[in-house]
Amino acid sequence: MCTITDIVICGFNGSILKYCGEKMDYEYILTRLSKMLSPKRLQHSIGVSKTAEEMAERFGGDKVKAGLAGLLHDAAREVPVADLLPRAQAFGIVVSDIEKAEPILLHAPISAKLAESKFNIHDAEILQAIFLHTTGGAHMSLLDKIIYLADVIEPGRNFGGLEEIRAMAHSDLDKALLLALDQSIAYILEEGGLIHPATIEARNDLLIKQRTPILHTT
């Protein structure tokens, strides 16, 4: 299987990139993203892509899907905040009251829509992983977990508690994800922000799965 850095040119029709299984024009994606993102944000996306590939290899995931989802996860991150809500509504995204109050959260679902509409990505797993990379959610797939964590631990990140998450991500994906969710929730609480229900669902789902074997033996 090729990796994101080994991907060969599949060709494109006009401005629409053709997605042919595991083949994708990586340089074409970078060229388009460079017009949508600042150099710093583009470097972050490359870091997430490479980190996601490494994690996919470690935990038995699809490296190509992980690389693509990581590269495109922030496609809408630099859409002006004032434009996020109307953009989401134009895409037909269902917007919650929390997202109306914190429209920056909408960059994730809008990024998934841009991956589909601008880069012709129709793989449901890739799109869902992009959609969930900010809030998480219940019953996250392997790819969902990888992209969420890769966004947190990519080499350009630097914050307190990060090394513990990085270390755990080398051995236990779920425990690393739980640490990342806990840190995110603690930060939001400290800032007096709104916690998205999907984040709570993601955390609770992990805890329930951890405790289920114990419950079955009591």
Protein backbone atom coordinates (compact mmCIF):
# COMPACT_ATOMS: atom_id res chain seq x y z
CA MET A 1 0.00 0.00 0.00
CA CYS A 2 1.33 3.45 -0.87
CA THR A 3 1.58 6.20 1.70
CA ILE A 4 0.43 9.78 1.34
CA THR A 5 3.98 10.82 0.48
CA ASP A 6 4.23 8.11 -2.19
CA ILE A 7 0.91 8.90 -3.85
CA VAL A 8 1.11 9.13 -7.63
CA ILE A 9 -0.67 11.47 -10.00
CA CYS A 10 -4.13 10.19 -10.80
CA GLY A 11 -5.02 13.16 -12.95
CA PHE A 12 -7.72 15.78 -12.65
CA ASN A 13 -10.53 17.12 -14.78
CA GLY A 14 -10.49 20.89 -14.78
CA SER A 15 -10.24 21.95 -11.15
CA ILE A 16 -11.72 18.73 -9.74
CA LEU A 17 -9.25 16.16 -8.51
CA LYS A 18 -10.08 12.55 -9.31
CA TYR A 19 -9.91 10.22 -6.32
CA CYS A 20 -8.95 6.78 -7.64
CA GLY A 21 -8.83 4.44 -4.67
CA GLU A 22 -5.40 4.84 -3.12
CA LYS A 23 -4.04 7.20 -5.77
CA MET A 24 -4.13 10.97 -5.32
CA ASP A 25 -2.11 13.89 -6.63
CA TYR A 26 -0.56 15.00 -3.36
CA GLU A 27 1.16 18.05 -4.87
CA TYR A 28 -2.13 19.17 -6.38
CA ILE A 29 -3.79 19.05 -2.97
CA LEU A 30 -0.96 21.05 -1.44
CA THR A 31 -1.19 23.64 -4.21
CA ARG A 32 -4.91 24.13 -3.65
CA LEU A 33 -4.58 24.13 0.10
CA SER A 34 -1.82 26.73 -0.08
CA LYS A 35 -4.39 29.09 -1.59
CA MET A 36 -6.89 28.33 1.16
CA LEU A 37 -4.60 28.28 4.21
CA SER A 38 -1.77 30.33 5.64
CA PRO A 39 1.72 28.78 5.51
CA LYS A 40 1.52 28.02 9.24
CA ARG A 41 -1.85 26.30 8.91
CA LEU A 42 -0.67 24.38 5.86
CA GLN A 43 2.38 23.17 7.78
CA HIS A 44 0.09 22.07 10.60
CA SER A 45 -2.04 20.11 8.13
CA ILE A 46 1.04 18.40 6.71
CA GLY A 47 2.11 17.55 10.26
CA VAL A 48 -1.31 16.07 11.05
CA SER A 49 -1.19 14.07 7.81
CA LYS A 50 2.20 12.54 8.58
CA THR A 51 1.31 11.89 12.22
CA ALA A 52 -1.95 10.25 11.17
CA GLU A 53 -0.08 7.97 8.76
CA GLU A 54 2.30 6.91 11.52
CA MET A 55 -0.59 6.18 13.88
CA ALA A 56 -2.49 4.25 11.21
CA GLU A 57 0.52 2.04 10.65
CA ARG A 58 0.93 1.53 14.40
CA PHE A 59 -2.70 0.62 15.06
CA GLY A 60 -3.61 -1.21 11.86
CA GLY A 61 -5.48 1.57 10.07
CA ASP A 62 -5.49 2.67 6.45
CA LYS A 63 -2.45 4.91 5.96
CA VAL A 64 -3.71 6.51 2.75
CA LYS A 65 -7.08 7.44 4.22
CA ALA A 66 -5.38 8.72 7.38
CA GLY A 67 -2.98 10.84 5.34
CA LEU A 68 -5.73 12.34 3.20
CA ALA A 69 -8.03 13.06 6.14
CA GLY A 70 -5.16 14.65 8.03
CA LEU A 71 -4.15 16.82 5.11
CA LEU A 72 -7.69 18.09 4.49
CA HIS A 73 -8.99 18.24 8.07
CA ASP A 74 -8.58 22.03 8.36
CA ALA A 75 -9.53 23.03 4.83
CA ALA A 76 -12.07 25.53 6.21
CA ARG A 77 -10.08 26.62 9.26
CA GLU A 78 -9.33 30.06 7.86
CA VAL A 79 -12.79 30.84 6.57
CA PRO A 80 -13.70 34.09 8.40
CA VAL A 81 -15.72 33.34 11.52
CA ALA A 82 -18.57 35.56 10.31
CA ASP A 83 -18.83 33.42 7.17
CA LEU A 84 -18.90 30.02 8.86
CA LEU A 85 -22.59 29.94 9.76
CA PRO A 86 -23.87 31.04 6.33
CA ARG A 87 -21.38 28.65 4.68
CA ALA A 88 -22.63 25.78 6.83
CA GLN A 89 -26.24 26.63 6.03
CA ALA A 90 -25.42 26.78 2.32
CA PHE A 91 -23.96 23.26 2.57
CA GLY A 92 -27.10 22.04 4.38
CA ILE A 93 -25.23 21.29 7.60
CA VAL A 94 -27.51 21.04 10.62
CA VAL A 95 -26.25 23.67 13.07
CA SER A 96 -26.82 23.33 16.82
CA ASP A 97 -27.31 26.22 19.26
CA ILE A 98 -23.79 25.63 20.58
CA GLU A 99 -22.35 25.92 17.08
CA LYS A 100 -24.34 29.11 16.52
CA ALA A 101 -22.78 30.49 19.70
CA GLU A 102 -19.32 29.10 18.86
CA PRO A 103 -19.23 29.13 15.04
CA ILE A 104 -15.52 28.18 14.93
CA LEU A 105 -16.70 24.63 15.65
CA LEU A 106 -18.29 24.62 12.20
CA HIS A 107 -14.91 24.60 10.47
CA ALA A 108 -14.77 20.81 10.91
CA PRO A 109 -18.03 19.88 9.15
CA ILE A 110 -17.38 22.57 6.52
CA SER A 111 -13.91 21.11 5.95
CA ALA A 112 -15.55 17.75 5.28
CA LYS A 113 -17.84 19.38 2.75
CA LEU A 114 -14.90 21.12 1.07
CA ALA A 115 -12.99 17.84 0.90
CA GLU A 116 -15.98 16.44 -0.96
CA SER A 117 -16.82 19.40 -3.18
CA LYS A 118 -13.35 20.82 -3.91
CA PHE A 119 -11.23 17.67 -3.87
CA ASN A 120 -13.80 15.08 -4.93
CA ILE A 121 -13.28 12.94 -1.83
CA HIS A 122 -16.34 10.73 -1.36
CA ASP A 123 -14.98 8.13 1.03
CA ALA A 124 -17.40 8.17 3.99
CA GLU A 125 -14.69 7.23 6.51
CA ILE A 126 -12.44 10.10 5.46
CA LEU A 127 -15.28 12.62 5.50
CA GLN A 128 -16.52 11.48 8.91
CA ALA A 129 -13.03 11.70 10.42
CA ILE A 130 -12.69 15.27 9.16
CA PHE A 131 -16.20 16.09 10.42
CA LEU A 132 -15.42 14.85 13.95
CA HIS A 133 -11.84 16.05 14.35
CA THR A 134 -12.74 18.99 16.62
CA THR A 135 -15.53 17.66 18.84
CA GLY A 136 -15.18 13.90 18.60
CA GLY A 137 -18.34 11.87 19.03
CA ALA A 138 -19.86 8.63 20.23
CA HIS A 139 -18.71 5.34 18.66
CA MET A 140 -15.71 6.87 16.92
CA SER A 141 -14.05 4.69 14.29
CA LEU A 142 -10.34 3.93 14.25
CA LEU A 143 -9.81 6.64 11.63
CA ASP A 144 -11.89 9.15 13.64
CA LYS A 145 -9.69 8.56 16.67
CA ILE A 146 -6.48 8.79 14.68
CA ILE A 147 -7.37 12.14 13.07
CA TYR A 148 -8.61 13.64 16.35
CA LEU A 149 -5.39 12.65 18.10
CA ALA A 150 -3.09 13.53 15.21
CA ASP A 151 -4.52 17.04 15.30
CA VAL A 152 -3.64 17.24 18.99
CA ILE A 153 -0.15 15.71 18.97
CA GLU A 154 1.40 16.66 15.61
CA PRO A 155 4.98 17.99 16.00
CA GLY A 156 4.02 21.66 15.74
CA ARG A 157 1.83 21.52 18.84
CA ASN A 158 3.17 22.64 22.21
CA PHE A 159 1.10 22.88 25.39
CA GLY A 160 1.11 21.56 28.94
CA GLY A 161 0.31 17.87 29.24
CA LEU A 162 1.00 17.18 25.58
CA GLU A 163 3.95 14.84 26.15
CA GLU A 164 1.80 12.52 28.26
CA ILE A 165 -0.75 12.28 25.43
CA ARG A 166 2.00 11.72 22.87
CA ALA A 167 3.57 8.98 24.96
CA MET A 168 0.23 7.22 25.43
CA ALA A 169 -0.51 7.47 21.70
CA HIS A 170 2.40 5.11 21.07
CA SER A 171 0.77 2.26 22.98
CA ASP A 172 -2.94 2.77 23.66
CA LEU A 173 -5.11 4.78 21.27
CA ASP A 174 -8.21 4.92 23.47
CA LYS A 175 -6.32 6.00 26.58
CA ALA A 176 -4.53 8.69 24.59
CA LEU A 177 -7.85 9.89 23.18
CA LEU A 178 -9.36 9.99 26.66
CA LEU A 179 -6.44 12.08 27.91
CA ALA A 180 -6.88 14.47 24.98
CA LEU A 181 -10.62 14.79 25.57
CA ASP A 182 -10.11 15.39 29.28
CA GLN A 183 -7.55 18.09 28.55
CA SER A 184 -9.86 19.74 26.02
CA ILE A 185 -12.80 19.73 28.43
CA ALA A 186 -10.66 21.08 31.28
CA TYR A 187 -9.42 23.92 29.06
CA ILE A 188 -12.94 24.82 27.92
CA LEU A 189 -14.16 24.85 31.53
CA GLU A 190 -11.24 27.05 32.58
CA GLU A 191 -12.07 29.47 29.78
CA GLY A 192 -15.78 29.44 30.62
CA GLY A 193 -16.64 28.07 27.20
CA LEU A 194 -19.38 25.81 25.90
CA ILE A 195 -18.76 22.08 25.77
CA HIS A 196 -20.15 20.40 22.67
CA PRO A 197 -22.36 17.39 23.52
CA ALA A 198 -20.42 15.29 21.01
CA THR A 199 -17.28 15.75 23.13
CA ILE A 200 -19.08 14.51 26.21
CA GLU A 201 -20.46 11.59 24.19
CA ALA A 202 -16.97 10.70 22.98
CA ARG A 203 -15.59 10.69 26.52
CA ASN A 204 -18.50 8.76 27.99
CA ASP A 205 -18.35 6.18 25.21
CA LEU A 206 -14.67 5.51 25.92
CA LEU A 207 -15.28 5.22 29.66
CA ILE A 208 -18.23 2.87 29.19
CA LYS A 209 -16.15 0.63 26.95
CA GLN A 210 -13.37 0.59 29.54
CA ARG A 211 -15.75 -0.31 32.35
CA THR A 212 -17.95 -2.81 30.49
CA PRO A 213 -15.71 -5.84 31.22
CA ILE A 214 -15.81 -4.96 34.92
CA LEU A 215 -19.58 -4.61 34.85
CA HIS A 216 -19.94 -8.01 33.22
CA THR A 217 -17.96 -9.68 36.01
CA THR A 218 -19.87 -8.18 38.92
